[in-house]
Amino acid sequence: MKKSQIEELQKIFGSTNVLTEVEDMIAYSYDASHVEIQPEAVVFPSTTEQISQLMKFAYREHIPVTPRGQGSGLSGGSVPLKKGVVLVMDRMKRVIDFDPANRLITVEAGLTTADIDPIAAEANLFYPPDPGSVAFSTIGGNVAENAGGLRGLKYGVTKDYVKMLRVVLPQGDIVVLGNKCVKHVAGFNMEGIFVGSEGLLGIMTEVTLSLLPIPEHRESALAIFNSLDGAAQAVSAIIAAGVTPSTMEFMDNATINAIQNFKDCGLPRDAEAVLLIETDGEKNSAISEMAKVEAQVRKNDCRDFARAQSTEERDRMFAGRRVALNALASVKPNLILEDATVMRSKLPDMVRGITDIAKKYNLQVGIFGHAGDGNLHPTFLIDMRDKDEMARTEKAVAELFQLAIDLDGTISGEHGIGLEKKPFLKNQLGGEGIALLQNIKKTFDPLNLLNPGKMFDMPESQKA
């Protein structure tokens, strides 16, 4: 970037909120994916108006802008593919309004997701979406990726809680989308377009979220299985029995042992798989539902079913699931974590397919994830310095995504497309589907300056 352009950024944000040194560019060149590209400048806004000025400047000067929360995304969504400016939102973290009477909270996009529940709990409310990164990811990032989490089976995902957004559009206009009312049909459902848009259509600066009452009671249990297939079949059986647990998490033997090596969470090393299951709601209802759960899992090669007798026991059960990714990351130098998702009824086919792919390519894979909503996280444990292993892994990942598509599933349940899954999106949506996304992008961002090159290429980029 030119010196005059840097000086204009400093006028907008203040000199202390603009970084240009090489060491700073390195710090903002990557997220939790495997791509690293240095920007030319990093800026830290404190107001929506500053972001509006930035986008007007970017459009005038033809400079790409990449929004960023805490950089915890797993798909490369906040990597500045075309360099330019990285817009870091984590200083915009105010709670603007808490409205317990209407079960709403309005926050700035840089607020950490975990910071909502302590505020909501004062009125016996909570915010259900709880991605694995809940302790450090931002609300803006969660909305951009339509984040899910452990409670998605019963409570849904981020899109189910977004009521209203304040957004800076690519050319600098500021708009408010959605409404705080329970019912709202004035105009298009524009807020829905922005949830999961991965920063391609606009920059969310304020988000109004709906909250729910904290359940009166919860029952937690660990089901231990002699086979992967038994655990997968149990998930379908539980849902078919009319029970909707708040949580139903799956871990295979490789994941269990990685966790136990990483941190002793009391998981059985010889189990082929376990399910962590939780029911909640009115006390008698939660207890009754867990009894139905137990009846179903015992029909599906379950060797033991243990209910937590205290909060401490429950927390220990779930501690293993919370550290699963870190534990698997300690097994080999690198890992590739995917989130292909299928309908619950297809879960046994998906688990068998993942196992077959791992054997075919002689790869070490740990499988864990949100079994209740069909969202598994097959994790390939690799050494990227081993070129042969990397070549086999790339083929395995391609087959994994095709397996999900063939089972009427999706290549991403919650991590987003970004750069990592971009080559596979057309396989799911088809050429016409990609063209529709391109047309929407062009309507909002005709110069393709906001987070360019993510999710899909624009026709102009392809020609270049």
Protein backbone atom coordinates (compact mmCIF):
# COMPACT_ATOMS: atom_id res chain seq x y z
CA MET A 1 0.00 0.00 0.00
CA LYS A 2 1.09 3.58 -0.65
CA LYS A 3 2.22 5.84 2.17
CA SER A 4 -0.71 8.17 1.47
CA GLN A 5 -3.14 5.26 1.85
CA ILE A 6 -1.64 4.26 5.20
CA GLU A 7 -1.91 7.87 6.34
CA GLU A 8 -5.59 7.93 5.41
CA LEU A 9 -6.17 4.77 7.45
CA GLN A 10 -4.45 6.47 10.39
CA LYS A 11 -6.80 9.44 10.04
CA ILE A 12 -9.81 7.12 10.20
CA PHE A 13 -8.69 4.87 13.07
CA GLY A 14 -5.90 6.78 14.81
CA SER A 15 -2.23 5.94 14.37
CA THR A 16 -2.16 3.49 17.31
CA ASN A 17 -4.96 1.44 15.72
CA VAL A 18 -3.19 0.84 12.41
CA LEU A 19 -0.42 -1.75 12.11
CA THR A 20 1.95 -2.10 9.15
CA GLU A 21 5.15 -3.66 10.54
CA VAL A 22 6.11 -7.06 9.12
CA GLU A 23 5.99 -8.83 12.49
CA ASP A 24 2.43 -7.55 13.00
CA MET A 25 1.41 -8.67 9.53
CA ILE A 26 2.60 -12.20 10.34
CA ALA A 27 0.37 -12.30 13.44
CA TYR A 28 -2.71 -11.57 11.32
CA SER A 29 -1.81 -13.74 8.32
CA TYR A 30 -3.50 -16.96 9.46
CA ASP A 31 -6.41 -18.50 11.34
CA ALA A 32 -6.96 -22.10 12.51
CA SER A 33 -6.74 -23.43 8.94
CA HIS A 34 -3.53 -24.27 7.07
CA VAL A 35 -3.28 -21.14 4.92
CA GLU A 36 -1.05 -18.15 5.68
CA ILE A 37 -0.98 -14.87 3.70
CA GLN A 38 0.25 -11.56 5.06
CA PRO A 39 -1.91 -8.43 4.73
CA GLU A 40 -0.52 -4.98 3.98
CA ALA A 41 -2.17 -3.29 6.96
CA VAL A 42 -4.23 -4.22 10.02
CA VAL A 43 -6.82 -1.87 11.54
CA PHE A 44 -8.82 -1.95 14.78
CA PRO A 45 -12.17 -0.14 14.63
CA SER A 46 -14.13 1.04 17.65
CA THR A 47 -17.25 2.30 15.85
CA THR A 48 -19.52 1.35 12.96
CA GLU A 49 -18.85 4.74 11.39
CA GLN A 50 -15.11 4.01 11.18
CA ILE A 51 -15.83 0.80 9.30
CA SER A 52 -18.11 2.70 6.93
CA GLN A 53 -15.30 5.16 6.23
CA LEU A 54 -12.89 2.26 5.66
CA MET A 55 -15.13 0.65 3.04
CA LYS A 56 -15.65 3.95 1.21
CA PHE A 57 -11.88 4.40 1.19
CA ALA A 58 -11.34 0.79 0.04
CA TYR A 59 -13.79 1.20 -2.83
CA ARG A 60 -12.20 4.44 -3.93
CA GLU A 61 -8.69 2.98 -3.80
CA HIS A 62 -9.61 -0.58 -4.91
CA ILE A 63 -8.11 -2.18 -1.78
CA PRO A 64 -9.36 -5.58 -0.53
CA VAL A 65 -10.67 -5.79 3.06
CA THR A 66 -10.83 -8.99 5.11
CA PRO A 67 -12.93 -8.97 8.33
CA ARG A 68 -11.54 -10.91 11.30
CA GLY A 69 -12.76 -11.78 14.78
CA GLN A 70 -10.39 -13.85 16.92
CA GLY A 71 -9.00 -15.87 14.01
CA SER A 72 -10.39 -19.16 15.35
CA GLY A 73 -12.08 -20.17 12.09
CA LEU A 74 -11.18 -23.54 10.61
CA SER A 75 -11.79 -22.84 6.92
CA GLY A 76 -9.45 -19.92 6.12
CA GLY A 77 -12.26 -17.37 6.16
CA SER A 78 -10.20 -14.61 7.81
CA VAL A 79 -6.99 -15.16 5.83
CA PRO A 80 -6.33 -12.11 3.57
CA LEU A 81 -6.11 -13.98 0.27
CA LYS A 82 -5.71 -10.78 -1.77
CA LYS A 83 -3.62 -9.02 0.90
CA GLY A 84 -4.97 -5.48 1.46
CA VAL A 85 -6.41 -4.58 4.89
CA VAL A 86 -7.37 -6.94 7.71
CA LEU A 87 -10.21 -5.45 9.77
CA VAL A 88 -9.97 -6.82 13.33
CA MET A 89 -13.29 -6.58 15.18
CA ASP A 90 -12.30 -7.76 18.65
CA ARG A 91 -12.19 -4.29 20.23
CA MET A 92 -15.88 -3.73 19.44
CA LYS A 93 -17.16 -5.82 22.35
CA ARG A 94 -19.75 -3.74 24.20
CA VAL A 95 -23.07 -5.07 25.43
CA ILE A 96 -25.41 -2.46 23.97
CA ASP A 97 -28.69 -3.63 25.50
CA PHE A 98 -29.95 -6.50 27.64
CA ASP A 99 -33.73 -6.89 27.51
CA PRO A 100 -34.76 -9.84 29.71
CA ALA A 101 -38.47 -9.04 29.37
CA ASN A 102 -38.26 -9.81 25.65
CA ARG A 103 -35.41 -12.33 26.04
CA LEU A 104 -33.06 -10.32 23.83
CA ILE A 105 -29.49 -9.09 24.03
CA THR A 106 -27.78 -6.69 21.63
CA VAL A 107 -24.00 -6.81 21.46
CA GLU A 108 -21.16 -5.59 19.29
CA ALA A 109 -19.75 -8.15 16.91
CA GLY A 110 -16.40 -8.44 18.70
CA LEU A 111 -17.87 -9.71 21.97
CA THR A 112 -16.66 -13.18 22.93
CA THR A 113 -19.50 -15.69 22.76
CA ALA A 114 -18.91 -17.00 26.30
CA ASP A 115 -19.40 -13.49 27.72
CA ILE A 116 -23.14 -13.58 26.98
CA ASP A 117 -24.22 -16.31 29.39
CA PRO A 118 -23.04 -14.65 32.64
CA ILE A 119 -25.13 -11.59 31.73
CA ALA A 120 -28.14 -13.60 30.58
CA ALA A 121 -27.99 -15.84 33.67
CA GLU A 122 -28.85 -12.86 35.87
CA ALA A 123 -32.38 -13.19 34.45
CA ASN A 124 -32.31 -17.03 34.34
CA LEU A 125 -31.68 -16.96 30.58
CA PHE A 126 -28.97 -18.42 28.33
CA TYR A 127 -27.69 -18.29 24.75
CA PRO A 128 -27.88 -21.85 23.36
CA PRO A 129 -25.29 -21.97 20.51
CA ASP A 130 -22.03 -23.22 22.04
CA PRO A 131 -19.32 -23.91 19.44
CA GLY A 132 -16.12 -25.57 20.56
CA SER A 133 -14.47 -22.15 20.38
CA VAL A 134 -17.09 -20.57 22.67
CA ALA A 135 -14.44 -19.30 25.10
CA PHE A 136 -12.63 -17.20 22.50
CA SER A 137 -14.64 -16.88 19.26
CA THR A 138 -16.62 -13.70 18.64
CA ILE A 139 -20.33 -13.30 18.00
CA GLY A 140 -19.57 -11.70 14.63
CA GLY A 141 -17.52 -14.72 13.62
CA ASN A 142 -20.25 -17.07 14.86
CA VAL A 143 -22.84 -15.25 12.74
CA ALA A 144 -20.54 -15.14 9.70
CA GLU A 145 -20.05 -18.92 9.89
CA ASN A 146 -23.49 -19.84 11.28
CA ALA A 147 -21.73 -21.62 14.14
CA GLY A 148 -23.31 -24.62 15.84
CA GLY A 149 -22.07 -26.55 18.85
CA LEU A 150 -22.87 -29.34 21.26
CA ARG A 151 -26.48 -28.24 21.85
CA GLY A 152 -27.44 -27.97 18.17
CA LEU A 153 -29.59 -31.12 18.18
CA LYS A 154 -32.27 -29.62 20.43
CA TYR A 155 -31.59 -25.90 20.33
CA GLY A 156 -30.44 -25.28 16.78
CA VAL A 157 -27.58 -23.09 15.54
CA THR A 158 -26.71 -19.40 15.32
CA LYS A 159 -29.21 -18.58 12.56
CA ASP A 160 -32.05 -19.61 14.88
CA TYR A 161 -31.17 -16.80 17.33
CA VAL A 162 -30.25 -13.82 15.15
CA LYS A 163 -33.05 -11.25 15.28
CA MET A 164 -31.41 -8.08 13.99
CA LEU A 165 -28.10 -6.94 12.50
CA ARG A 166 -26.35 -3.63 11.92
CA VAL A 167 -24.21 -4.10 8.82
CA VAL A 168 -21.73 -2.01 6.88
CA LEU A 169 -22.14 -2.89 3.20
CA PRO A 170 -19.10 -3.18 0.90
CA GLN A 171 -19.45 0.38 -0.43
CA GLY A 172 -19.82 1.88 3.05
CA ASP A 173 -23.59 2.15 3.50
CA ILE A 174 -24.88 1.30 6.99
CA VAL A 175 -28.10 -0.74 7.18
CA VAL A 176 -30.17 -2.34 9.93
CA LEU A 177 -31.64 -5.71 9.00
CA GLY A 178 -34.30 -7.72 10.80
CA ASN A 179 -36.42 -6.71 13.76
CA LYS A 180 -36.76 -7.40 17.48
CA CYS A 181 -40.37 -8.54 17.18
CA VAL A 182 -41.33 -12.21 17.32
CA LYS A 183 -42.99 -11.80 13.92
CA HIS A 184 -41.47 -9.68 11.17
CA VAL A 185 -42.19 -9.91 7.42
CA ALA A 186 -41.51 -6.34 6.27
CA GLY A 187 -39.34 -6.88 3.21
CA PHE A 188 -36.99 -9.73 2.38
CA ASN A 189 -35.44 -11.90 5.10
CA MET A 190 -32.16 -10.04 4.66
CA GLU A 191 -30.69 -10.95 8.03
CA GLY A 192 -30.94 -14.58 6.95
CA ILE A 193 -28.76 -13.91 3.91
CA PHE A 194 -25.99 -12.50 6.08
CA VAL A 195 -25.90 -15.38 8.56
CA GLY A 196 -23.33 -17.79 7.14
CA SER A 197 -22.15 -15.31 4.48
CA GLU A 198 -18.54 -15.58 5.73
CA GLY A 199 -17.85 -11.85 5.44
CA LEU A 200 -18.49 -11.71 1.68
CA LEU A 201 -21.57 -9.46 1.69
CA GLY A 202 -21.03 -7.01 4.54
CA ILE A 203 -19.45 -6.40 7.94
CA MET A 204 -21.71 -7.03 10.91
CA THR A 205 -21.06 -4.57 13.73
CA GLU A 206 -24.04 -5.13 16.06
CA VAL A 207 -26.13 -8.26 16.59
CA THR A 208 -29.41 -8.72 18.46
CA LEU A 209 -29.81 -12.29 19.69
CA SER A 210 -32.73 -14.12 21.25
CA LEU A 211 -32.26 -15.97 24.54
CA LEU A 212 -34.05 -18.86 26.23
CA PRO A 213 -34.89 -19.72 29.86
CA ILE A 214 -32.29 -21.91 31.56
CA PRO A 215 -33.70 -25.46 31.80
CA GLU A 216 -34.87 -26.46 35.26
CA HIS A 217 -32.98 -29.77 35.28
CA ARG A 218 -30.57 -31.84 33.23
CA GLU A 219 -29.65 -35.52 33.16
CA SER A 220 -26.24 -36.56 31.83
CA ALA A 221 -24.96 -39.99 30.87
CA LEU A 222 -22.07 -41.81 29.22
CA ALA A 223 -22.97 -44.75 26.96
CA ILE A 224 -20.09 -47.14 26.19
CA PHE A 225 -20.24 -49.28 23.03
CA ASN A 226 -18.51 -52.40 21.77
CA SER A 227 -18.73 -51.22 18.16
CA LEU A 228 -18.78 -48.03 16.10
CA ASP A 229 -21.86 -49.24 14.30
CA GLY A 230 -23.69 -49.80 17.57
CA ALA A 231 -23.07 -46.22 18.67
CA ALA A 232 -24.16 -44.83 15.31
CA GLN A 233 -27.29 -46.99 15.23
CA ALA A 234 -28.14 -45.90 18.79
CA VAL A 235 -28.29 -42.26 17.68
CA SER A 236 -30.95 -43.04 15.08
CA ALA A 237 -32.84 -45.24 17.54
CA ILE A 238 -32.98 -42.51 20.18
CA ILE A 239 -34.42 -39.97 17.76
CA ALA A 240 -36.86 -42.53 16.34
CA ALA A 241 -38.10 -43.16 19.88
CA GLY A 242 -39.31 -39.56 20.06
CA VAL A 243 -36.55 -38.21 22.30
CA THR A 244 -34.60 -35.04 21.47
CA PRO A 245 -31.60 -34.85 23.80
CA SER A 246 -30.03 -31.44 24.27
CA THR A 247 -26.63 -33.02 23.57
CA MET A 248 -25.51 -36.26 21.95
CA GLU A 249 -21.76 -36.36 21.31
CA PHE A 250 -19.82 -39.16 19.63
CA MET A 251 -16.18 -40.19 20.18
CA ASP A 252 -14.41 -43.19 18.66
CA ASN A 253 -11.59 -45.27 20.15
CA ALA A 254 -8.80 -43.20 18.59
CA THR A 255 -10.29 -40.03 20.06
CA ILE A 256 -10.90 -41.63 23.46
CA ASN A 257 -7.27 -42.73 23.77
CA ALA A 258 -5.93 -39.40 22.55
CA ILE A 259 -8.00 -37.68 25.25
CA GLN A 260 -6.84 -40.06 27.98
CA ASN A 261 -3.21 -39.53 26.96
CA PHE A 262 -3.78 -35.77 26.99
CA LYS A 263 -5.87 -35.52 30.17
CA ASP A 264 -7.40 -38.23 32.35
CA CYS A 265 -11.14 -37.77 31.96
CA GLY A 266 -12.10 -41.27 33.04
CA LEU A 267 -13.01 -42.51 29.57
CA PRO A 268 -12.71 -46.28 28.88
CA ARG A 269 -9.68 -46.90 26.65
CA ASP A 270 -11.02 -50.23 25.36
CA ALA A 271 -14.38 -48.87 24.16
CA GLU A 272 -14.88 -48.76 20.40
CA ALA A 273 -17.03 -45.66 20.86
CA VAL A 274 -18.91 -43.63 23.45
CA LEU A 275 -21.88 -41.30 23.36
CA LEU A 276 -22.19 -38.39 25.78
CA ILE A 277 -25.89 -37.73 26.16
CA GLU A 278 -27.82 -35.03 27.98
CA THR A 279 -31.54 -34.36 28.38
CA ASP A 280 -32.91 -31.21 29.94
CA GLY A 281 -36.12 -29.36 30.77
CA GLU A 282 -38.68 -29.91 33.50
CA LYS A 283 -37.17 -32.39 35.99
CA ASN A 284 -39.58 -35.30 35.55
CA SER A 285 -39.49 -34.89 31.78
CA ALA A 286 -35.67 -34.87 31.64
CA ILE A 287 -35.48 -38.00 33.82
CA SER A 288 -38.14 -39.77 31.76
CA GLU A 289 -36.38 -38.92 28.50
CA MET A 290 -33.08 -40.26 29.79
CA ALA A 291 -34.81 -43.54 30.71
CA LYS A 292 -36.00 -43.82 27.10
CA VAL A 293 -32.47 -43.06 25.91
CA GLU A 294 -31.06 -45.84 28.07
CA ALA A 295 -33.62 -48.32 26.75
CA GLN A 296 -32.60 -47.57 23.17
CA VAL A 297 -28.82 -47.63 23.61
CA ARG A 298 -28.96 -50.98 25.42
CA LYS A 299 -30.46 -52.47 22.25
CA ASN A 300 -27.43 -51.38 20.21
CA ASP A 301 -24.30 -53.16 21.42
CA CYS A 302 -23.97 -50.94 24.51
CA ARG A 303 -21.92 -52.56 27.25
CA ASP A 304 -22.44 -49.91 29.92
CA PHE A 305 -24.59 -46.87 30.59
CA ALA A 306 -23.55 -44.56 33.44
CA ARG A 307 -25.55 -41.56 34.62
CA ALA A 308 -23.76 -38.67 36.27
CA GLN A 309 -24.74 -38.45 39.93
CA SER A 310 -23.41 -34.94 40.49
CA THR A 311 -22.43 -31.78 38.65
CA GLU A 312 -18.79 -32.73 39.19
CA GLU A 313 -19.31 -36.11 37.49
CA ARG A 314 -21.12 -34.44 34.62
CA ASP A 315 -18.36 -31.89 34.15
CA ARG A 316 -15.73 -34.63 34.11
CA MET A 317 -17.67 -36.55 31.46
CA PHE A 318 -17.87 -33.52 29.21
CA ALA A 319 -14.31 -32.35 29.87
CA GLY A 320 -13.06 -35.06 27.53
CA ARG A 321 -15.25 -33.87 24.69
CA ARG A 322 -14.16 -30.28 25.18
CA VAL A 323 -10.47 -31.19 24.83
CA ALA A 324 -10.94 -33.73 22.02
CA LEU A 325 -9.46 -31.54 19.29
CA ASN A 326 -6.46 -30.47 21.39
CA ALA A 327 -5.90 -34.09 22.35
CA LEU A 328 -5.93 -35.28 18.74
CA ALA A 329 -3.62 -32.42 17.79
CA SER A 330 -1.02 -33.82 20.18
CA VAL A 331 -0.88 -37.22 18.43
CA LYS A 332 0.96 -36.12 15.26
CA PRO A 333 2.53 -32.85 14.06
CA ASN A 334 -0.55 -31.78 12.07
CA LEU A 335 -4.22 -32.53 11.62
CA ILE A 336 -6.97 -31.80 9.14
CA LEU A 337 -10.36 -31.41 10.81
CA GLU A 338 -13.50 -31.71 8.68
CA ASP A 339 -17.20 -31.26 9.43
CA ALA A 340 -19.08 -33.11 6.71
CA THR A 341 -22.65 -33.64 7.87
CA VAL A 342 -25.45 -36.07 7.04
CA MET A 343 -28.98 -36.72 8.19
CA ARG A 344 -29.12 -38.63 11.46
CA SER A 345 -30.57 -41.70 9.75
CA LYS A 346 -27.48 -41.85 7.51
CA LEU A 347 -25.00 -41.61 10.39
CA PRO A 348 -24.15 -45.36 10.44
CA ASP A 349 -23.38 -45.21 6.70
CA MET A 350 -21.21 -42.13 7.23
CA VAL A 351 -19.21 -43.68 10.07
CA ARG A 352 -18.63 -46.86 8.06
CA GLY A 353 -17.63 -44.77 5.04
CA ILE A 354 -15.09 -42.73 7.01
CA THR A 355 -13.55 -45.90 8.42
CA ASP A 356 -13.31 -47.44 4.94
CA ILE A 357 -11.67 -44.29 3.52
CA ALA A 358 -9.09 -44.25 6.32
CA LYS A 359 -8.22 -47.90 5.66
CA LYS A 360 -8.09 -47.38 1.89
CA TYR A 361 -5.52 -44.61 2.19
CA ASN A 362 -3.71 -46.00 5.24
CA LEU A 363 -4.42 -42.92 7.35
CA GLN A 364 -4.90 -42.39 11.06
CA VAL A 365 -8.31 -40.80 11.73
CA GLY A 366 -10.08 -39.86 14.92
CA ILE A 367 -13.85 -39.39 14.72
CA PHE A 368 -15.80 -37.23 17.14
CA GLY A 369 -18.60 -34.73 16.86
CA HIS A 370 -22.24 -33.84 17.23
CA ALA A 371 -23.81 -37.20 16.44
CA GLY A 372 -27.31 -36.03 17.30
CA ASP A 373 -27.44 -33.66 14.34
CA GLY A 374 -25.30 -35.81 12.02
CA ASN A 375 -22.36 -33.40 12.22
CA LEU A 376 -19.21 -35.50 12.62
CA HIS A 377 -15.62 -34.25 12.79
CA PRO A 378 -13.39 -36.84 11.10
CA THR A 379 -9.89 -35.69 11.99
CA PHE A 380 -6.96 -36.82 9.84
CA LEU A 381 -3.78 -37.06 11.93
CA ILE A 382 -0.84 -36.36 9.64
CA ASP A 383 2.65 -34.99 9.18
CA MET A 384 2.59 -32.34 6.46
CA ARG A 385 6.29 -32.88 5.84
CA ASP A 386 5.43 -36.35 4.52
CA LYS A 387 4.48 -35.60 0.91
CA ASP A 388 3.18 -39.10 0.25
CA GLU A 389 0.92 -38.97 3.31
CA MET A 390 -0.34 -35.52 2.29
CA ALA A 391 -1.19 -36.77 -1.21
CA ARG A 392 -3.15 -39.66 0.28
CA THR A 393 -4.90 -37.31 2.70
CA GLU A 394 -6.01 -34.98 -0.08
CA LYS A 395 -7.58 -37.90 -1.92
CA ALA A 396 -9.23 -39.11 1.29
CA VAL A 397 -10.73 -35.69 2.03
CA ALA A 398 -12.13 -35.45 -1.50
CA GLU A 399 -13.75 -38.88 -1.08
CA LEU A 400 -15.09 -37.87 2.33
CA PHE A 401 -16.89 -34.85 0.89
CA GLN A 402 -18.27 -36.88 -2.00
CA LEU A 403 -19.50 -39.49 0.47
CA ALA A 404 -21.41 -36.80 2.37
CA ILE A 405 -22.94 -35.49 -0.86
CA ASP A 406 -23.88 -39.01 -2.00
CA LEU A 407 -25.65 -39.52 1.34
CA ASP A 408 -27.70 -36.33 0.74
CA GLY A 409 -25.54 -34.47 3.25
CA THR A 410 -23.35 -31.38 3.12
CA ILE A 411 -19.61 -30.73 2.96
CA SER A 412 -19.83 -28.36 5.94
CA GLY A 413 -22.14 -28.39 8.94
CA GLU A 414 -20.66 -25.46 10.85
CA HIS A 415 -17.05 -24.57 9.94
CA GLY A 416 -17.89 -22.84 6.67
CA ILE A 417 -16.37 -23.04 3.20
CA GLY A 418 -13.71 -20.30 3.18
CA LEU A 419 -10.61 -21.45 1.31
CA GLU A 420 -10.35 -25.02 2.59
CA LYS A 421 -13.61 -26.36 1.09
CA LYS A 422 -13.87 -23.94 -1.82
CA PRO A 423 -12.76 -26.53 -4.43
CA PHE A 424 -15.60 -28.85 -3.39
CA LEU A 425 -18.57 -26.47 -3.18
CA LYS A 426 -19.54 -26.85 -6.83
CA ASN A 427 -19.86 -30.62 -6.33
CA GLN A 428 -22.66 -29.94 -3.87
CA LEU A 429 -24.38 -26.88 -5.35
CA GLY A 430 -23.77 -27.40 -9.06
CA GLY A 431 -22.84 -24.72 -11.58
CA GLU A 432 -26.22 -23.00 -11.34
CA GLY A 433 -25.95 -22.81 -7.56
CA ILE A 434 -22.50 -21.23 -7.74
CA ALA A 435 -23.75 -18.74 -10.36
CA LEU A 436 -26.54 -17.67 -7.99
CA LEU A 437 -24.02 -17.01 -5.21
CA GLN A 438 -21.83 -15.07 -7.64
CA ASN A 439 -24.77 -12.89 -8.69
CA ILE A 440 -25.68 -12.13 -5.07
CA LYS A 441 -22.06 -11.25 -4.31
CA LYS A 442 -21.86 -8.96 -7.35
CA THR A 443 -25.03 -7.14 -6.29
CA PHE A 444 -23.58 -6.29 -2.89
CA ASP A 445 -19.91 -5.99 -3.85
CA PRO A 446 -19.49 -5.24 -7.58
CA LEU A 447 -15.71 -4.72 -7.26
CA ASN A 448 -15.25 -7.92 -5.22
CA LEU A 449 -13.22 -6.17 -2.51
CA LEU A 450 -14.79 -7.60 0.66
CA ASN A 451 -13.14 -10.90 1.63
CA PRO A 452 -12.45 -11.77 -2.03
CA GLY A 453 -11.63 -15.30 -3.14
CA LYS A 454 -13.51 -17.08 -0.36
CA MET A 455 -16.20 -19.72 -0.86
CA PHE A 456 -16.15 -19.34 -4.67
CA ASP A 457 -14.33 -17.35 -7.36
CA MET A 458 -16.00 -14.54 -9.25
CA PRO A 459 -16.07 -14.86 -13.06
CA GLU A 460 -13.66 -11.93 -13.44
CA SER A 461 -11.17 -13.65 -11.14
CA GLN A 462 -11.42 -16.86 -13.13
CA LYS A 463 -10.60 -15.03 -16.37
CA ALA A 464 -7.63 -13.32 -14.75
